[in-house]
Amino acid sequence: MPELFPTPLRNTGSGLCYGIGRLSNIAGPFIVSAIYGSMGYPWVFAYIAACWAIVAGTVALFGPRSGGAVLEELQETEAAAPPTGRFTREPERSGGKAVVRGA
């Protein structure tokens, strides 16, 4: 799915997700130890299950819709569709060299 977005936006999104992931990995053990120390082991499992539920809900809400789609048909459709959008590049042939416009 990242290939659907322009490179600058894709890089920004990847960096943001990477940074949030790193911060979560730093904070996670402290949160788990605080939950374990104050409420016990069953609540640690509840916390982890809640985190997974939040991730699953986010993917279900914002993820790509692919229900009932056949992969081969999607690939053929993408290959046949001309590029659209502001960030597309269209090569032109001039004097045997490819010239790239845009961006």
C-alpha atoms as a PDB file:
ATOM      1  CA  MET A   1       0.000   0.000   0.000  1.00  0.00           C
ATOM      2  CA  PRO A   2       2.794   2.560   0.569  1.00  0.00           C
ATOM      3  CA  GLU A   3       3.407   2.656  -3.180  1.00  0.00           C
ATOM      4  CA  LEU A   4       0.074   4.453  -3.609  1.00  0.00           C
ATOM      5  CA  PHE A   5       1.470   7.646  -2.092  1.00  0.00           C
ATOM      6  CA  PRO A   6       4.064  10.125  -3.387  1.00  0.00           C
ATOM      7  CA  THR A   7       7.617   9.585  -2.163  1.00  0.00           C
ATOM      8  CA  PRO A   8       7.823  12.637   0.172  1.00  0.00           C
ATOM      9  CA  LEU A   9       4.555  11.713   1.868  1.00  0.00           C
ATOM     10  CA  ARG A  10       5.573   8.059   2.056  1.00  0.00           C
ATOM     11  CA  ASN A  11       8.899   8.979   3.650  1.00  0.00           C
ATOM     12  CA  THR A  12       7.225  11.271   6.174  1.00  0.00           C
ATOM     13  CA  GLY A  13       4.676   8.605   7.089  1.00  0.00           C
ATOM     14  CA  SER A  14       7.324   5.920   7.427  1.00  0.00           C
ATOM     15  CA  GLY A  15       9.459   8.162   9.624  1.00  0.00           C
ATOM     16  CA  LEU A  16       6.516   9.102  11.801  1.00  0.00           C
ATOM     17  CA  CYS A  17       5.472   5.478  12.266  1.00  0.00           C
ATOM     18  CA  TYR A  18       9.053   4.468  12.999  1.00  0.00           C
ATOM     19  CA  GLY A  19       9.410   7.225  15.598  1.00  0.00           C
ATOM     20  CA  ILE A  20       6.124   6.405  17.305  1.00  0.00           C
ATOM     21  CA  GLY A  21       7.085   2.747  17.344  1.00  0.00           C
ATOM     22  CA  ARG A  22      10.424   3.523  18.967  1.00  0.00           C
ATOM     23  CA  LEU A  23       8.765   5.686  21.630  1.00  0.00           C
ATOM     24  CA  SER A  24       6.192   2.959  22.282  1.00  0.00           C
ATOM     25  CA  ASN A  25       8.963   0.404  22.697  1.00  0.00           C
ATOM     26  CA  ILE A  26      10.606   2.674  25.239  1.00  0.00           C
ATOM     27  CA  ALA A  27       7.409   3.339  27.199  1.00  0.00           C
ATOM     28  CA  GLY A  28       5.912  -0.163  26.930  1.00  0.00           C
ATOM     29  CA  PRO A  29       7.962  -1.927  29.597  1.00  0.00           C
ATOM     30  CA  PHE A  30       7.362   0.903  32.068  1.00  0.00           C
ATOM     31  CA  ILE A  31       3.616   0.746  31.469  1.00  0.00           C
ATOM     32  CA  VAL A  32       3.564  -3.056  31.831  1.00  0.00           C
ATOM     33  CA  SER A  33       5.606  -2.953  35.026  1.00  0.00           C
ATOM     34  CA  ALA A  34       3.354  -0.262  36.497  1.00  0.00           C
ATOM     35  CA  ILE A  35       0.244  -2.289  35.666  1.00  0.00           C
ATOM     36  CA  TYR A  36       1.804  -5.467  37.057  1.00  0.00           C
ATOM     37  CA  GLY A  37       2.934  -3.732  40.249  1.00  0.00           C
ATOM     38  CA  SER A  38      -0.403  -2.094  40.982  1.00  0.00           C
ATOM     39  CA  MET A  39      -3.041  -4.479  39.619  1.00  0.00           C
ATOM     40  CA  GLY A  40      -1.403  -7.833  38.957  1.00  0.00           C
ATOM     41  CA  TYR A  41      -0.679 -10.156  36.086  1.00  0.00           C
ATOM     42  CA  PRO A  42      -4.225 -10.552  34.641  1.00  0.00           C
ATOM     43  CA  TRP A  43      -4.378  -6.826  33.966  1.00  0.00           C
ATOM     44  CA  VAL A  44      -1.154  -6.999  31.985  1.00  0.00           C
ATOM     45  CA  PHE A  45      -2.897  -9.419  29.630  1.00  0.00           C
ATOM     46  CA  ALA A  46      -5.905  -7.083  29.499  1.00  0.00           C
ATOM     47  CA  TYR A  47      -3.597  -4.177  28.603  1.00  0.00           C
ATOM     48  CA  ILE A  48      -1.893  -6.138  25.829  1.00  0.00           C
ATOM     49  CA  ALA A  49      -5.273  -7.323  24.490  1.00  0.00           C
ATOM     50  CA  ALA A  50      -6.543  -3.729  24.494  1.00  0.00           C
ATOM     51  CA  CYS A  51      -3.470  -2.595  22.551  1.00  0.00           C
ATOM     52  CA  TRP A  52      -4.043  -5.308  19.945  1.00  0.00           C
ATOM     53  CA  ALA A  53      -7.734  -4.362  19.738  1.00  0.00           C
ATOM     54  CA  ILE A  54      -6.808  -0.724  19.105  1.00  0.00           C
ATOM     55  CA  VAL A  55      -4.389  -1.737  16.342  1.00  0.00           C
ATOM     56  CA  ALA A  56      -6.955  -4.086  14.773  1.00  0.00           C
ATOM     57  CA  GLY A  57      -9.626  -1.379  14.882  1.00  0.00           C
ATOM     58  CA  THR A  58      -7.282   1.158  13.313  1.00  0.00           C
ATOM     59  CA  VAL A  59      -6.392  -1.204  10.479  1.00  0.00           C
ATOM     60  CA  ALA A  60     -10.045  -2.115   9.962  1.00  0.00           C
ATOM     61  CA  LEU A  61     -11.045   1.548   9.878  1.00  0.00           C
ATOM     62  CA  PHE A  62      -8.205   3.031   7.826  1.00  0.00           C
ATOM     63  CA  GLY A  63      -6.773   0.019   5.995  1.00  0.00           C
ATOM     64  CA  PRO A  64      -7.322  -0.717   2.307  1.00  0.00           C
ATOM     65  CA  ARG A  65     -10.580  -2.383   1.336  1.00  0.00           C
ATOM     66  CA  SER A  66      -9.842  -5.647  -0.399  1.00  0.00           C
ATOM     67  CA  GLY A  67     -12.880  -7.786   0.409  1.00  0.00           C
ATOM     68  CA  GLY A  68     -13.929 -10.007  -2.472  1.00  0.00           C
ATOM     69  CA  ALA A  69     -11.056  -8.815  -4.652  1.00  0.00           C
ATOM     70  CA  VAL A  70      -8.916 -11.224  -6.636  1.00  0.00           C
ATOM     71  CA  LEU A  71      -5.209 -10.414  -6.492  1.00  0.00           C
ATOM     72  CA  GLU A  72      -4.576 -11.117 -10.162  1.00  0.00           C
ATOM     73  CA  GLU A  73      -7.392  -8.756 -11.209  1.00  0.00           C
ATOM     74  CA  LEU A  74      -6.037  -6.002  -8.964  1.00  0.00           C
ATOM     75  CA  GLN A  75      -2.563  -6.353 -10.457  1.00  0.00           C
ATOM     76  CA  GLU A  76      -3.939  -6.244 -14.015  1.00  0.00           C
ATOM     77  CA  THR A  77      -6.022  -3.169 -13.208  1.00  0.00           C
ATOM     78  CA  GLU A  78      -3.055  -1.337 -11.697  1.00  0.00           C
ATOM     79  CA  ALA A  79      -0.801  -2.246 -14.613  1.00  0.00           C
ATOM     80  CA  ALA A  80      -3.349  -1.048 -17.189  1.00  0.00           C
ATOM     81  CA  ALA A  81      -4.269   2.200 -15.406  1.00  0.00           C
ATOM     82  CA  PRO A  82      -2.323   5.295 -16.438  1.00  0.00           C
ATOM     83  CA  PRO A  83      -0.561   7.118 -13.594  1.00  0.00           C
ATOM     84  CA  THR A  84      -2.573  10.002 -12.192  1.00  0.00           C
ATOM     85  CA  GLY A  85      -1.925  12.735  -9.713  1.00  0.00           C
ATOM     86  CA  ARG A  86       0.419  15.615  -9.202  1.00  0.00           C
ATOM     87  CA  PHE A  87       3.507  13.538  -8.526  1.00  0.00           C
ATOM     88  CA  THR A  88       3.513  11.364 -11.635  1.00  0.00           C
ATOM     89  CA  ARG A  89       6.362  11.389 -14.066  1.00  0.00           C
ATOM     90  CA  GLU A  90       5.897  10.818 -17.751  1.00  0.00           C
ATOM     91  CA  PRO A  91       8.987   9.890 -19.749  1.00  0.00           C
ATOM     92  CA  GLU A  92       9.367  11.452 -23.173  1.00  0.00           C
ATOM     93  CA  ARG A  93      11.708  10.274 -25.885  1.00  0.00           C
ATOM     94  CA  SER A  94      13.851  12.929 -27.485  1.00  0.00           C
ATOM     95  CA  GLY A  95      16.964  12.125 -29.419  1.00  0.00           C
ATOM     96  CA  GLY A  96      17.239   8.632 -27.978  1.00  0.00           C
ATOM     97  CA  LYS A  97      17.303   9.814 -24.355  1.00  0.00           C
ATOM     98  CA  ALA A  98      14.453   9.594 -21.904  1.00  0.00           C
ATOM     99  CA  VAL A  99      13.468  12.983 -20.479  1.00  0.00           C
ATOM    100  CA  VAL A 100      11.504  12.995 -17.212  1.00  0.00           C
ATOM    101  CA  ARG A 101       9.033  15.797 -16.531  1.00  0.00           C
ATOM    102  CA  GLY A 102       7.302  16.639 -13.297  1.00  0.00           C
ATOM    103  CA  ALA A 103       8.260  16.423  -9.650  1.00  0.00           C
END
